[in-house]
Protein backbone atom coordinates (compact mmCIF):
# COMPACT_ATOMS: atom_id res chain seq x y z
CA UNK A 1 0.00 0.00 0.00
CA UNK A 2 1.38 3.41 -0.96
CA UNK A 3 0.69 6.52 1.09
CA UNK A 4 -0.47 9.61 -0.71
CA UNK A 5 1.01 12.98 0.16
CA UNK A 6 -2.27 13.99 1.84
CA UNK A 7 -2.35 10.80 3.94
CA UNK A 8 1.27 11.31 4.97
CA UNK A 9 0.52 14.86 6.16
CA UNK A 10 -2.56 13.64 8.04
CA UNK A 11 -0.31 11.11 9.81
CA UNK A 12 2.17 13.90 10.68
CA UNK A 13 -0.69 16.03 12.00
CA UNK A 14 -2.16 13.24 14.11
CA UNK A 15 1.24 12.22 15.54
CA UNK A 16 1.88 15.85 16.44
CA UNK A 17 -1.52 16.11 18.12
CA UNK A 18 -0.96 12.85 20.02
CA UNK A 19 2.45 14.09 21.29
CA UNK A 20 0.97 17.47 22.18
CA UNK A 21 -1.93 15.87 24.09
CA UNK A 22 0.38 13.26 25.62
CA UNK A 23 2.31 15.95 27.42
CA UNK A 24 -0.79 16.83 29.47
CA UNK A 25 -1.41 13.17 30.29
CA UNK A 26 2.26 12.84 31.31
CA UNK A 27 2.07 15.94 33.53
CA UNK A 28 -1.16 14.78 35.16
CA UNK A 29 0.13 11.26 35.90
CA UNK A 30 3.49 12.55 37.15
CA UNK A 31 1.75 15.02 39.46
CA UNK A 32 -0.50 12.27 40.79
CA UNK A 33 2.58 10.14 41.41
CA UNK A 34 4.34 12.99 43.27
CA UNK A 35 1.11 14.07 45.05
CA UNK A 36 1.76 17.69 43.98
CA UNK A 37 1.68 19.67 40.77
CA UNK A 38 4.92 19.02 38.87
CA UNK A 39 6.00 19.60 35.29
CA UNK A 40 8.63 17.02 34.32
CA UNK A 41 11.34 17.89 31.78
CA UNK A 42 9.86 15.36 29.36
CA UNK A 43 6.73 17.57 29.21
CA UNK A 44 8.82 20.22 27.41
CA UNK A 45 10.35 17.69 25.02
CA UNK A 46 6.90 16.36 24.10
CA UNK A 47 5.79 19.97 23.67
CA UNK A 48 8.58 20.59 21.18
CA UNK A 49 7.89 17.37 19.24
CA UNK A 50 4.15 18.02 19.08
CA UNK A 51 4.57 21.70 18.29
CA UNK A 52 7.13 21.08 15.55
CA UNK A 53 5.01 18.43 13.85
CA UNK A 54 1.88 20.56 14.13
CA UNK A 55 3.81 23.57 12.81
CA UNK A 56 4.90 21.57 9.75
CA UNK A 57 1.33 20.36 9.26
CA UNK A 58 -0.02 23.92 9.57
CA UNK A 59 2.44 25.12 6.92
CA UNK A 60 1.35 22.30 4.63
CA UNK A 61 -2.30 23.23 5.21
CA UNK A 62 -1.41 26.91 4.72
CA UNK A 63 -3.32 27.92 7.86
CA UNK A 64 -1.89 31.25 9.08
CA UNK A 65 -3.64 31.13 12.47
CA UNK A 66 -2.35 27.63 13.18
CA UNK A 67 1.14 28.56 11.90
CA UNK A 68 1.47 31.56 14.21
CA UNK A 69 0.10 29.63 17.19
CA UNK A 70 2.53 26.76 16.83
CA UNK A 71 5.56 28.91 15.95
CA UNK A 72 5.37 30.90 19.18
CA UNK A 73 4.96 27.87 21.43
CA UNK A 74 8.27 26.33 20.40
CA UNK A 75 10.11 29.42 21.60
CA UNK A 76 8.56 29.05 25.05
CA UNK A 77 9.30 25.31 25.23
CA UNK A 78 12.93 25.76 24.22
CA UNK A 79 13.36 28.57 26.74
CA UNK A 80 11.99 26.39 29.54
CA UNK A 81 14.51 23.68 28.65
CA UNK A 82 17.30 26.28 28.73
CA UNK A 83 16.18 27.45 32.17
CA UNK A 84 16.05 23.86 33.44
CA UNK A 85 19.57 23.17 32.12
CA UNK A 86 20.86 26.41 33.64
CA UNK A 87 19.36 25.61 37.05
CA UNK A 88 21.02 22.17 37.02
CA UNK A 89 24.39 23.79 36.19
CA UNK A 90 24.05 26.29 39.05
CA UNK A 91 23.29 23.51 41.57
CA UNK A 92 26.40 21.51 40.65
C-alpha atoms as a PDB file:
ATOM      1  CA  UNK A   1       0.000   0.000   0.000  1.00  0.00           C
ATOM      2  CA  UNK A   2       1.384   3.406  -0.963  1.00  0.00           C
ATOM      3  CA  UNK A   3       0.686   6.516   1.093  1.00  0.00           C
ATOM      4  CA  UNK A   4      -0.475   9.608  -0.711  1.00  0.00           C
ATOM      5  CA  UNK A   5       1.012  12.981   0.165  1.00  0.00           C
ATOM      6  CA  UNK A   6      -2.266  13.991   1.836  1.00  0.00           C
ATOM      7  CA  UNK A   7      -2.345  10.802   3.940  1.00  0.00           C
ATOM      8  CA  UNK A   8       1.269  11.307   4.974  1.00  0.00           C
ATOM      9  CA  UNK A   9       0.522  14.862   6.159  1.00  0.00           C
ATOM     10  CA  UNK A  10      -2.557  13.637   8.036  1.00  0.00           C
ATOM     11  CA  UNK A  11      -0.311  11.108   9.808  1.00  0.00           C
ATOM     12  CA  UNK A  12       2.169  13.901  10.681  1.00  0.00           C
ATOM     13  CA  UNK A  13      -0.692  16.034  12.000  1.00  0.00           C
ATOM     14  CA  UNK A  14      -2.155  13.238  14.107  1.00  0.00           C
ATOM     15  CA  UNK A  15       1.241  12.216  15.539  1.00  0.00           C
ATOM     16  CA  UNK A  16       1.876  15.854  16.435  1.00  0.00           C
ATOM     17  CA  UNK A  17      -1.518  16.112  18.115  1.00  0.00           C
ATOM     18  CA  UNK A  18      -0.958  12.854  20.018  1.00  0.00           C
ATOM     19  CA  UNK A  19       2.445  14.090  21.290  1.00  0.00           C
ATOM     20  CA  UNK A  20       0.970  17.467  22.183  1.00  0.00           C
ATOM     21  CA  UNK A  21      -1.932  15.869  24.092  1.00  0.00           C
ATOM     22  CA  UNK A  22       0.383  13.264  25.621  1.00  0.00           C
ATOM     23  CA  UNK A  23       2.306  15.953  27.424  1.00  0.00           C
ATOM     24  CA  UNK A  24      -0.792  16.825  29.475  1.00  0.00           C
ATOM     25  CA  UNK A  25      -1.413  13.166  30.294  1.00  0.00           C
ATOM     26  CA  UNK A  26       2.256  12.842  31.311  1.00  0.00           C
ATOM     27  CA  UNK A  27       2.073  15.944  33.526  1.00  0.00           C
ATOM     28  CA  UNK A  28      -1.155  14.780  35.155  1.00  0.00           C
ATOM     29  CA  UNK A  29       0.127  11.257  35.897  1.00  0.00           C
ATOM     30  CA  UNK A  30       3.488  12.546  37.148  1.00  0.00           C
ATOM     31  CA  UNK A  31       1.750  15.024  39.455  1.00  0.00           C
ATOM     32  CA  UNK A  32      -0.499  12.273  40.786  1.00  0.00           C
ATOM     33  CA  UNK A  33       2.585  10.137  41.415  1.00  0.00           C
ATOM     34  CA  UNK A  34       4.343  12.994  43.275  1.00  0.00           C
ATOM     35  CA  UNK A  35       1.114  14.068  45.052  1.00  0.00           C
ATOM     36  CA  UNK A  36       1.755  17.687  43.984  1.00  0.00           C
ATOM     37  CA  UNK A  37       1.681  19.675  40.765  1.00  0.00           C
ATOM     38  CA  UNK A  38       4.918  19.020  38.868  1.00  0.00           C
ATOM     39  CA  UNK A  39       5.997  19.601  35.287  1.00  0.00           C
ATOM     40  CA  UNK A  40       8.634  17.020  34.323  1.00  0.00           C
ATOM     41  CA  UNK A  41      11.341  17.895  31.784  1.00  0.00           C
ATOM     42  CA  UNK A  42       9.857  15.355  29.362  1.00  0.00           C
ATOM     43  CA  UNK A  43       6.735  17.574  29.211  1.00  0.00           C
ATOM     44  CA  UNK A  44       8.816  20.218  27.412  1.00  0.00           C
ATOM     45  CA  UNK A  45      10.347  17.687  25.019  1.00  0.00           C
ATOM     46  CA  UNK A  46       6.896  16.360  24.099  1.00  0.00           C
ATOM     47  CA  UNK A  47       5.790  19.967  23.672  1.00  0.00           C
ATOM     48  CA  UNK A  48       8.583  20.587  21.177  1.00  0.00           C
ATOM     49  CA  UNK A  49       7.892  17.373  19.239  1.00  0.00           C
ATOM     50  CA  UNK A  50       4.151  18.019  19.081  1.00  0.00           C
ATOM     51  CA  UNK A  51       4.568  21.699  18.294  1.00  0.00           C
ATOM     52  CA  UNK A  52       7.135  21.076  15.549  1.00  0.00           C
ATOM     53  CA  UNK A  53       5.006  18.427  13.846  1.00  0.00           C
ATOM     54  CA  UNK A  54       1.875  20.555  14.127  1.00  0.00           C
ATOM     55  CA  UNK A  55       3.809  23.570  12.813  1.00  0.00           C
ATOM     56  CA  UNK A  56       4.904  21.567   9.750  1.00  0.00           C
ATOM     57  CA  UNK A  57       1.333  20.356   9.262  1.00  0.00           C
ATOM     58  CA  UNK A  58      -0.015  23.922   9.571  1.00  0.00           C
ATOM     59  CA  UNK A  59       2.436  25.118   6.922  1.00  0.00           C
ATOM     60  CA  UNK A  60       1.354  22.296   4.628  1.00  0.00           C
ATOM     61  CA  UNK A  61      -2.299  23.228   5.215  1.00  0.00           C
ATOM     62  CA  UNK A  62      -1.411  26.913   4.724  1.00  0.00           C
ATOM     63  CA  UNK A  63      -3.322  27.918   7.862  1.00  0.00           C
ATOM     64  CA  UNK A  64      -1.885  31.247   9.084  1.00  0.00           C
ATOM     65  CA  UNK A  65      -3.638  31.126  12.474  1.00  0.00           C
ATOM     66  CA  UNK A  66      -2.353  27.628  13.178  1.00  0.00           C
ATOM     67  CA  UNK A  67       1.141  28.555  11.898  1.00  0.00           C
ATOM     68  CA  UNK A  68       1.471  31.559  14.210  1.00  0.00           C
ATOM     69  CA  UNK A  69       0.096  29.632  17.187  1.00  0.00           C
ATOM     70  CA  UNK A  70       2.532  26.756  16.833  1.00  0.00           C
ATOM     71  CA  UNK A  71       5.559  28.912  15.947  1.00  0.00           C
ATOM     72  CA  UNK A  72       5.372  30.901  19.183  1.00  0.00           C
ATOM     73  CA  UNK A  73       4.958  27.867  21.427  1.00  0.00           C
ATOM     74  CA  UNK A  74       8.268  26.332  20.396  1.00  0.00           C
ATOM     75  CA  UNK A  75      10.111  29.424  21.602  1.00  0.00           C
ATOM     76  CA  UNK A  76       8.556  29.047  25.051  1.00  0.00           C
ATOM     77  CA  UNK A  77       9.300  25.308  25.229  1.00  0.00           C
ATOM     78  CA  UNK A  78      12.931  25.763  24.216  1.00  0.00           C
ATOM     79  CA  UNK A  79      13.365  28.571  26.740  1.00  0.00           C
ATOM     80  CA  UNK A  80      11.989  26.386  29.537  1.00  0.00           C
ATOM     81  CA  UNK A  81      14.508  23.677  28.652  1.00  0.00           C
ATOM     82  CA  UNK A  82      17.300  26.277  28.730  1.00  0.00           C
ATOM     83  CA  UNK A  83      16.178  27.448  32.173  1.00  0.00           C
ATOM     84  CA  UNK A  84      16.049  23.858  33.441  1.00  0.00           C
ATOM     85  CA  UNK A  85      19.571  23.168  32.124  1.00  0.00           C
ATOM     86  CA  UNK A  86      20.857  26.411  33.642  1.00  0.00           C
ATOM     87  CA  UNK A  87      19.358  25.610  37.055  1.00  0.00           C
ATOM     88  CA  UNK A  88      21.024  22.174  37.019  1.00  0.00           C
ATOM     89  CA  UNK A  89      24.393  23.790  36.194  1.00  0.00           C
ATOM     90  CA  UNK A  90      24.046  26.288  39.051  1.00  0.00           C
ATOM     91  CA  UNK A  91      23.294  23.510  41.571  1.00  0.00           C
ATOM     92  CA  UNK A  92      26.404  21.510  40.651  1.00  0.00           C
END
